[in-house]
Protein backbone atom coordinates (compact mmCIF):
# COMPACT_ATOMS: atom_id res chain seq x y z
CA MET A 1 -43.03 19.28 -57.35
CA ILE A 2 -42.87 16.71 -60.23
CA VAL A 3 -39.84 17.35 -62.43
CA CYS A 4 -40.01 14.36 -64.73
CA VAL A 5 -43.53 13.17 -65.71
CA CYS A 6 -42.29 10.37 -67.72
CA ASN A 7 -40.47 8.73 -64.82
CA ALA A 8 -42.40 10.22 -61.94
CA ILE A 9 -39.34 11.90 -60.60
CA THR A 10 -39.97 14.72 -58.02
CA GLU A 11 -37.74 17.52 -56.73
CA ARG A 12 -37.38 15.58 -53.47
CA ASP A 13 -36.09 12.59 -55.39
CA ILE A 14 -33.30 14.88 -56.90
CA ASP A 15 -32.61 16.33 -53.35
CA GLU A 16 -32.07 12.81 -52.02
CA ALA A 17 -29.92 11.78 -55.02
CA VAL A 18 -27.69 14.72 -54.37
CA ALA A 19 -27.58 13.91 -50.55
CA ASP A 20 -26.45 10.36 -51.65
CA GLY A 21 -23.63 11.75 -53.78
CA ALA A 22 -24.99 12.70 -57.24
CA THR A 23 -23.14 15.75 -58.53
CA SER A 24 -24.12 15.79 -62.33
CA MET A 25 -27.00 15.20 -64.68
CA GLN A 26 -25.44 11.99 -65.85
CA ALA A 27 -25.46 10.72 -62.12
CA LEU A 28 -29.16 11.64 -61.92
CA GLN A 29 -29.89 9.97 -65.19
CA ASP A 30 -28.03 6.83 -64.03
CA SER A 31 -29.74 6.69 -60.64
CA LEU A 32 -33.19 8.11 -61.32
CA ARG A 33 -33.67 7.98 -65.09
CA VAL A 34 -34.69 11.62 -64.93
CA SER A 35 -34.74 13.19 -68.40
CA SER A 36 -34.18 9.78 -70.08
CA GLN A 37 -37.39 9.55 -72.08
CA CYS A 38 -38.68 12.68 -73.84
CA GLY A 39 -36.09 15.10 -72.38
CA SER A 40 -38.43 18.05 -71.87
CA CYS A 41 -37.68 18.12 -68.16
CA SER A 42 -33.91 18.44 -68.60
CA GLY A 43 -33.79 22.23 -67.93
CA CYS A 44 -35.89 21.93 -64.69
CA ALA A 45 -33.87 18.92 -63.52
CA GLU A 46 -30.67 20.70 -64.01
CA ALA A 47 -31.99 23.75 -62.04
CA CYS A 48 -33.11 21.38 -59.27
CA LEU A 49 -29.67 19.74 -59.32
CA GLU A 50 -27.82 23.16 -59.11
CA ARG A 51 -30.07 24.30 -56.31
CA ALA A 52 -29.65 21.09 -54.35
CA LEU A 53 -25.78 21.18 -54.79
CA SER A 54 -25.61 24.85 -53.67
CA GLU A 55 -27.64 24.10 -50.60
CA ARG A 56 -25.72 21.10 -49.79
CA GLY A 57 -22.45 22.73 -48.77
CA PRO A 58 -19.26 20.65 -48.37
CA ALA A 59 -19.96 17.01 -48.98
CA ARG A 60 -17.98 15.58 -46.29
CA PRO A 61 -15.18 17.44 -44.32
CA LEU A 62 -12.01 15.32 -44.03
CA PRO A 63 -10.58 14.91 -40.57
CA LEU A 64 -7.01 16.00 -39.98
CA VAL A 65 -5.00 13.26 -38.44
CA ALA A 66 -1.84 14.21 -36.67
CA THR A 67 1.02 11.74 -37.04
CA SER A 68 4.37 11.65 -35.33
CA GLU A 69 6.01 12.89 -38.45
CA SER A 70 3.77 16.03 -38.68
CA LEU A 71 4.12 17.03 -34.96
CA PRO A 72 6.92 19.55 -34.15
CA ALA A 73 10.01 18.03 -32.45
């Protein structure tokens, strides 16, 4: 679905931007220029962003690394 007609941004473009680390409308505007012309798509773009973020789950789990200091003696 086309979200931003002015810049030809699709819902898939927003999904990919979120997968690449975008977490805010400002990040989408910086990377995709979504909602940077007339602004009429901002509500739809924000809804797509929120949906993509909720479906994403944890961004990247951090591995736990045992060190000699953290192991029981």
